[in-house]
Amino acid sequence: MVSSRTTKLQAVNTMLQTIGEASTNTITGSVPYEVSLAEDILDEIVRDLCGDAYVFNTEEDVTLSPNVSNEISIPGNYVQVRSVDEEYVIRYNGGSPILYSMRDKSSTFDNDITVEIVYLLDFEDLPEAAKRYCTIRAARIYADRLVGSQDIRVFSAQDEVEARAKLNTFVHAIGKANMLNDSSSVLNVLNRQI
């Protein structure tokens, strides 16, 4: 019986086992190249996944306030700042991330704004379905980059498809998607002017 959540170490070991490497006891400190590469690829896949808005990495109705320079500083774990009536992007001012209004073509704000935030999460903070998908996808990419075996690719690609399906099932189950409210094509028909 599995009783604990998947750890980053377990994910890295899954990746190592995919190419026939021995498991590791640690991913901290001085580690072999294969272990370091596996962790880097896993982090890359987690960043890629969190680049999209999912119910588990998105928070609505977040109020952001300007600082004394009338700029809104953005923490490093914000991937997107979204609003229904405004387009925002994250820009860098002297290396520090700040919010930029595409409509106003400005990074200065006079008032608080309420937005939706898409967060970059650590592997450990992902739900199990997302961890599984990231692990399987990272294992396939790791095997492709390190050994390039077509046999490994075929087996892991099928595992990746199944893990993605489970992730989508998880997201839809907790997101409670509604075809009348969550489909842009249906909303366009419902909201047309008569």
C-alpha atoms as a PDB file:
ATOM      1  CA  MET A   1       0.000   0.000   0.000  1.00  0.00           C
ATOM      2  CA  VAL A   2       1.404   3.391  -1.029  1.00  0.00           C
ATOM      3  CA  SER A   3       0.776   5.865   1.737  1.00  0.00           C
ATOM      4  CA  SER A   4       2.808   8.922   0.828  1.00  0.00           C
ATOM      5  CA  ARG A   5       2.849  11.509  -1.892  1.00  0.00           C
ATOM      6  CA  THR A   6       5.409  11.190  -4.672  1.00  0.00           C
ATOM      7  CA  THR A   7       8.638  13.002  -3.863  1.00  0.00           C
ATOM      8  CA  LYS A   8      11.036  14.629  -6.285  1.00  0.00           C
ATOM      9  CA  LEU A   9      13.612  11.965  -5.386  1.00  0.00           C
ATOM     10  CA  GLN A  10      11.162   9.223  -6.388  1.00  0.00           C
ATOM     11  CA  ALA A  11      10.463  10.997  -9.686  1.00  0.00           C
ATOM     12  CA  VAL A  12      14.189  11.300 -10.448  1.00  0.00           C
ATOM     13  CA  ASN A  13      14.641   7.604  -9.626  1.00  0.00           C
ATOM     14  CA  THR A  14      11.823   6.716 -12.034  1.00  0.00           C
ATOM     15  CA  MET A  15      13.659   8.684 -14.712  1.00  0.00           C
ATOM     16  CA  LEU A  16      16.950   6.921 -13.939  1.00  0.00           C
ATOM     17  CA  GLN A  17      15.278   3.506 -14.042  1.00  0.00           C
ATOM     18  CA  THR A  18      13.813   4.312 -17.469  1.00  0.00           C
ATOM     19  CA  ILE A  19      17.304   4.154 -18.966  1.00  0.00           C
ATOM     20  CA  GLY A  20      18.516   1.330 -16.756  1.00  0.00           C
ATOM     21  CA  GLU A  21      20.518   3.460 -14.302  1.00  0.00           C
ATOM     22  CA  ALA A  22      20.710   2.662 -10.616  1.00  0.00           C
ATOM     23  CA  SER A  23      18.543   4.660  -8.227  1.00  0.00           C
ATOM     24  CA  THR A  24      20.030   7.426  -6.144  1.00  0.00           C
ATOM     25  CA  ASN A  25      19.629   8.166  -2.438  1.00  0.00           C
ATOM     26  CA  THR A  26      19.872  11.925  -2.829  1.00  0.00           C
ATOM     27  CA  ILE A  27      19.375  14.747  -5.295  1.00  0.00           C
ATOM     28  CA  THR A  28      21.173  17.337  -3.149  1.00  0.00           C
ATOM     29  CA  GLY A  29      24.837  18.188  -2.916  1.00  0.00           C
ATOM     30  CA  SER A  30      27.349  16.704  -5.322  1.00  0.00           C
ATOM     31  CA  VAL A  31      25.521  14.185  -7.505  1.00  0.00           C
ATOM     32  CA  PRO A  32      26.450  12.340 -10.708  1.00  0.00           C
ATOM     33  CA  TYR A  33      25.723  14.005 -14.055  1.00  0.00           C
ATOM     34  CA  GLU A  34      22.812  11.634 -14.814  1.00  0.00           C
ATOM     35  CA  VAL A  35      21.074  12.595 -11.556  1.00  0.00           C
ATOM     36  CA  SER A  36      21.646  16.311 -12.074  1.00  0.00           C
ATOM     37  CA  LEU A  37      20.353  16.109 -15.662  1.00  0.00           C
ATOM     38  CA  ALA A  38      17.270  14.165 -14.554  1.00  0.00           C
ATOM     39  CA  GLU A  39      16.426  16.806 -11.949  1.00  0.00           C
ATOM     40  CA  ASP A  40      16.968  19.634 -14.457  1.00  0.00           C
ATOM     41  CA  ILE A  41      14.649  17.989 -16.995  1.00  0.00           C
ATOM     42  CA  LEU A  42      12.003  17.351 -14.330  1.00  0.00           C
ATOM     43  CA  ASP A  43      12.142  21.044 -13.329  1.00  0.00           C
ATOM     44  CA  GLU A  44      11.843  22.015 -17.015  1.00  0.00           C
ATOM     45  CA  ILE A  45       8.710  19.873 -17.420  1.00  0.00           C
ATOM     46  CA  VAL A  46       7.135  21.284 -14.240  1.00  0.00           C
ATOM     47  CA  ARG A  47       7.777  24.844 -15.503  1.00  0.00           C
ATOM     48  CA  ASP A  48       6.236  23.919 -18.851  1.00  0.00           C
ATOM     49  CA  LEU A  49       3.139  22.410 -17.197  1.00  0.00           C
ATOM     50  CA  CYS A  50       2.674  25.390 -14.877  1.00  0.00           C
ATOM     51  CA  GLY A  51       2.935  27.762 -17.830  1.00  0.00           C
ATOM     52  CA  ASP A  52      -0.673  26.832 -18.505  1.00  0.00           C
ATOM     53  CA  ALA A  53      -3.553  27.694 -16.203  1.00  0.00           C
ATOM     54  CA  TYR A  54      -4.939  24.686 -14.339  1.00  0.00           C
ATOM     55  CA  VAL A  55      -7.339  24.681 -11.441  1.00  0.00           C
ATOM     56  CA  PHE A  56      -4.478  23.643  -9.115  1.00  0.00           C
ATOM     57  CA  ASN A  57      -2.104  26.514 -10.015  1.00  0.00           C
ATOM     58  CA  THR A  58      -4.570  29.340 -10.583  1.00  0.00           C
ATOM     59  CA  GLU A  59      -6.091  31.720  -8.066  1.00  0.00           C
ATOM     60  CA  GLU A  60      -8.847  34.183  -8.885  1.00  0.00           C
ATOM     61  CA  ASP A  61      -9.622  37.559  -7.328  1.00  0.00           C
ATOM     62  CA  VAL A  62      -6.105  38.414  -6.154  1.00  0.00           C
ATOM     63  CA  THR A  63      -5.588  42.078  -5.324  1.00  0.00           C
ATOM     64  CA  LEU A  64      -2.244  43.587  -6.345  1.00  0.00           C
ATOM     65  CA  SER A  65      -1.176  46.983  -5.053  1.00  0.00           C
ATOM     66  CA  PRO A  66       1.308  49.455  -6.518  1.00  0.00           C
ATOM     67  CA  ASN A  67       4.441  50.285  -4.544  1.00  0.00           C
ATOM     68  CA  VAL A  68       5.779  53.814  -3.839  1.00  0.00           C
ATOM     69  CA  SER A  69       7.007  53.989  -7.460  1.00  0.00           C
ATOM     70  CA  ASN A  70       3.471  53.135  -8.674  1.00  0.00           C
ATOM     71  CA  GLU A  71       4.745  49.818 -10.032  1.00  0.00           C
ATOM     72  CA  ILE A  72       3.355  46.420  -9.136  1.00  0.00           C
ATOM     73  CA  SER A  73       6.184  44.079  -8.209  1.00  0.00           C
ATOM     74  CA  ILE A  74       5.611  40.482  -9.230  1.00  0.00           C
ATOM     75  CA  PRO A  75       6.894  37.552  -7.149  1.00  0.00           C
ATOM     76  CA  GLY A  76       9.076  35.025  -8.983  1.00  0.00           C
ATOM     77  CA  ASN A  77       6.442  32.295  -8.790  1.00  0.00           C
ATOM     78  CA  TYR A  78       3.859  34.212 -10.880  1.00  0.00           C
ATOM     79  CA  VAL A  79       3.742  32.798 -14.413  1.00  0.00           C
ATOM     80  CA  GLN A  80       0.775  34.812 -15.686  1.00  0.00           C
ATOM     81  CA  VAL A  81      -1.292  37.708 -14.425  1.00  0.00           C
ATOM     82  CA  ARG A  82      -4.673  37.686 -16.156  1.00  0.00           C
ATOM     83  CA  SER A  83      -7.766  39.828 -16.217  1.00  0.00           C
ATOM     84  CA  VAL A  84     -11.029  39.675 -18.121  1.00  0.00           C
ATOM     85  CA  ASP A  85     -10.891  43.308 -19.206  1.00  0.00           C
ATOM     86  CA  GLU A  86      -7.135  43.974 -19.423  1.00  0.00           C
ATOM     87  CA  GLU A  87      -4.016  42.385 -20.910  1.00  0.00           C
ATOM     88  CA  TYR A  88      -1.061  42.206 -18.567  1.00  0.00           C
ATOM     89  CA  VAL A  89       2.414  40.829 -19.077  1.00  0.00           C
ATOM     90  CA  ILE A  90       5.338  40.441 -16.736  1.00  0.00           C
ATOM     91  CA  ARG A  91       8.300  42.608 -17.685  1.00  0.00           C
ATOM     92  CA  TYR A  92      11.632  43.183 -16.013  1.00  0.00           C
ATOM     93  CA  ASN A  93      12.841  46.493 -14.649  1.00  0.00           C
ATOM     94  CA  GLY A  94      16.485  46.225 -13.629  1.00  0.00           C
ATOM     95  CA  GLY A  95      16.080  42.479 -13.211  1.00  0.00           C
ATOM     96  CA  SER A  96      12.989  42.741 -11.019  1.00  0.00           C
ATOM     97  CA  PRO A  97       9.679  41.470 -12.414  1.00  0.00           C
ATOM     98  CA  ILE A  98       6.929  44.091 -12.625  1.00  0.00           C
ATOM     99  CA  LEU A  99       3.471  44.173 -14.153  1.00  0.00           C
ATOM    100  CA  TYR A 100       2.959  45.886 -17.503  1.00  0.00           C
ATOM    101  CA  SER A 101      -0.391  46.938 -18.978  1.00  0.00           C
ATOM    102  CA  MET A 102      -0.563  46.198 -22.698  1.00  0.00           C
ATOM    103  CA  ARG A 103      -3.640  48.420 -23.112  1.00  0.00           C
ATOM    104  CA  ASP A 104      -2.103  51.452 -21.399  1.00  0.00           C
ATOM    105  CA  LYS A 105       1.446  50.638 -22.547  1.00  0.00           C
ATOM    106  CA  SER A 106       2.626  51.412 -19.045  1.00  0.00           C
ATOM    107  CA  SER A 107       4.062  49.789 -15.950  1.00  0.00           C
ATOM    108  CA  THR A 108       2.666  52.412 -13.582  1.00  0.00           C
ATOM    109  CA  PHE A 109      -0.615  51.976 -11.733  1.00  0.00           C
ATOM    110  CA  ASP A 110      -2.591  54.463  -9.676  1.00  0.00           C
ATOM    111  CA  ASN A 111      -4.880  51.959  -7.939  1.00  0.00           C
ATOM    112  CA  ASP A 112      -5.081  48.369  -6.748  1.00  0.00           C
ATOM    113  CA  ILE A 113      -6.086  45.855  -9.402  1.00  0.00           C
ATOM    114  CA  THR A 114      -7.860  42.527  -9.060  1.00  0.00           C
ATOM    115  CA  VAL A 115      -6.525  39.740 -11.246  1.00  0.00           C
ATOM    116  CA  GLU A 116      -6.178  36.022 -11.714  1.00  0.00           C
ATOM    117  CA  ILE A 117      -2.737  34.581 -10.974  1.00  0.00           C
ATOM    118  CA  VAL A 118      -1.198  31.480 -12.555  1.00  0.00           C
ATOM    119  CA  TYR A 119       1.540  30.181 -10.270  1.00  0.00           C
ATOM    120  CA  LEU A 120       4.732  28.252 -10.933  1.00  0.00           C
ATOM    121  CA  LEU A 121       4.589  25.456  -8.356  1.00  0.00           C
ATOM    122  CA  ASP A 122       7.367  23.242  -7.066  1.00  0.00           C
ATOM    123  CA  PHE A 123       7.136  19.562  -7.957  1.00  0.00           C
ATOM    124  CA  GLU A 124       6.302  18.731  -4.342  1.00  0.00           C
ATOM    125  CA  ASP A 125       3.294  21.099  -4.415  1.00  0.00           C
ATOM    126  CA  LEU A 126       1.644  19.559  -7.499  1.00  0.00           C
ATOM    127  CA  PRO A 127      -1.321  17.197  -7.148  1.00  0.00           C
ATOM    128  CA  GLU A 128      -0.474  13.530  -7.697  1.00  0.00           C
ATOM    129  CA  ALA A 129      -1.971  13.399 -11.206  1.00  0.00           C
ATOM    130  CA  ALA A 130       0.258  16.300 -12.289  1.00  0.00           C
ATOM    131  CA  LYS A 131       3.298  14.748 -10.594  1.00  0.00           C
ATOM    132  CA  ARG A 132       2.700  11.489 -12.453  1.00  0.00           C
ATOM    133  CA  TYR A 133       2.365  13.250 -15.790  1.00  0.00           C
ATOM    134  CA  CYS A 134       5.507  15.357 -15.193  1.00  0.00           C
ATOM    135  CA  THR A 135       7.484  12.281 -14.104  1.00  0.00           C
ATOM    136  CA  ILE A 136       6.493  10.201 -17.137  1.00  0.00           C
ATOM    137  CA  ARG A 137       7.010  13.040 -19.609  1.00  0.00           C
ATOM    138  CA  ALA A 138      10.360  13.942 -18.036  1.00  0.00           C
ATOM    139  CA  ALA A 139      11.435  10.270 -18.158  1.00  0.00           C
ATOM    140  CA  ARG A 140      10.675  10.096 -21.889  1.00  0.00           C
ATOM    141  CA  ILE A 141      12.560  13.308 -22.649  1.00  0.00           C
ATOM    142  CA  TYR A 142      15.441  12.218 -20.398  1.00  0.00           C
ATOM    143  CA  ALA A 143      15.716   8.894 -22.228  1.00  0.00           C
ATOM    144  CA  ASP A 144      15.537  10.675 -25.607  1.00  0.00           C
ATOM    145  CA  ARG A 145      18.322  13.081 -24.674  1.00  0.00           C
ATOM    146  CA  LEU A 146      20.586  10.566 -22.977  1.00  0.00           C
ATOM    147  CA  VAL A 147      20.249   7.342 -24.971  1.00  0.00           C
ATOM    148  CA  GLY A 148      17.865   8.035 -27.846  1.00  0.00           C
ATOM    149  CA  SER A 149      16.380   4.520 -27.766  1.00  0.00           C
ATOM    150  CA  GLN A 150      13.318   4.119 -29.970  1.00  0.00           C
ATOM    151  CA  ASP A 151      12.119   1.171 -27.830  1.00  0.00           C
ATOM    152  CA  ILE A 152      12.149   3.244 -24.646  1.00  0.00           C
ATOM    153  CA  ARG A 153      10.426   6.097 -26.490  1.00  0.00           C
ATOM    154  CA  VAL A 154       7.539   3.899 -27.662  1.00  0.00           C
ATOM    155  CA  PHE A 155       6.837   2.493 -24.192  1.00  0.00           C
ATOM    156  CA  SER A 156       7.194   5.802 -22.374  1.00  0.00           C
ATOM    157  CA  ALA A 157       5.154   7.712 -24.981  1.00  0.00           C
ATOM    158  CA  GLN A 158       2.168   5.440 -24.299  1.00  0.00           C
ATOM    159  CA  ASP A 159       2.649   5.920 -20.541  1.00  0.00           C
ATOM    160  CA  GLU A 160       2.746   9.683 -21.143  1.00  0.00           C
ATOM    161  CA  VAL A 161      -0.553   9.624 -23.054  1.00  0.00           C
ATOM    162  CA  GLU A 162      -2.194   7.683 -20.216  1.00  0.00           C
ATOM    163  CA  ALA A 163      -0.751  10.016 -17.557  1.00  0.00           C
ATOM    164  CA  ARG A 164      -1.980  13.068 -19.505  1.00  0.00           C
ATOM    165  CA  ALA A 165      -5.462  11.546 -19.724  1.00  0.00           C
ATOM    166  CA  LYS A 166      -5.495  10.992 -15.952  1.00  0.00           C
ATOM    167  CA  LEU A 167      -4.343  14.571 -15.395  1.00  0.00           C
ATOM    168  CA  ASN A 168      -7.146  15.873 -17.633  1.00  0.00           C
ATOM    169  CA  THR A 169      -9.694  13.710 -15.790  1.00  0.00           C
ATOM    170  CA  PHE A 170      -8.440  15.076 -12.462  1.00  0.00           C
ATOM    171  CA  VAL A 171      -8.562  18.692 -13.669  1.00  0.00           C
ATOM    172  CA  HIS A 172     -12.062  18.345 -15.094  1.00  0.00           C
ATOM    173  CA  ALA A 173     -13.340  16.589 -11.975  1.00  0.00           C
ATOM    174  CA  ILE A 174     -12.229  19.325  -9.588  1.00  0.00           C
ATOM    175  CA  GLY A 175     -12.727  22.192 -12.030  1.00  0.00           C
ATOM    176  CA  LYS A 176     -16.370  21.305 -12.607  1.00  0.00           C
ATOM    177  CA  ALA A 177     -16.246  22.610 -16.165  1.00  0.00           C
ATOM    178  CA  ASN A 178     -19.582  23.667 -17.607  1.00  0.00           C
ATOM    179  CA  MET A 179     -20.051  23.661 -21.382  1.00  0.00           C
ATOM    180  CA  LEU A 180     -22.407  26.638 -21.185  1.00  0.00           C
ATOM    181  CA  ASN A 181     -20.030  28.797 -19.159  1.00  0.00           C
ATOM    182  CA  ASP A 182     -16.570  27.509 -20.023  1.00  0.00           C
ATOM    183  CA  SER A 183     -16.673  27.173 -23.800  1.00  0.00           C
ATOM    184  CA  SER A 184     -15.820  30.343 -25.727  1.00  0.00           C
ATOM    185  CA  SER A 185     -17.744  29.169 -28.786  1.00  0.00           C
ATOM    186  CA  VAL A 186     -20.900  28.509 -26.745  1.00  0.00           C
ATOM    187  CA  LEU A 187     -20.519  31.823 -24.873  1.00  0.00           C
ATOM    188  CA  ASN A 188     -20.258  33.683 -28.200  1.00  0.00           C
ATOM    189  CA  VAL A 189     -23.588  32.224 -29.287  1.00  0.00           C
ATOM    190  CA  LEU A 190     -25.264  32.856 -25.929  1.00  0.00           C
ATOM    191  CA  ASN A 191     -23.992  36.446 -25.682  1.00  0.00           C
ATOM    192  CA  ARG A 192     -24.691  37.585 -29.241  1.00  0.00           C
ATOM    193  CA  GLN A 193     -26.793  40.675 -29.672  1.00  0.00           C
ATOM    194  CA  ILE A 194     -30.228  40.099 -31.189  1.00  0.00           C
END
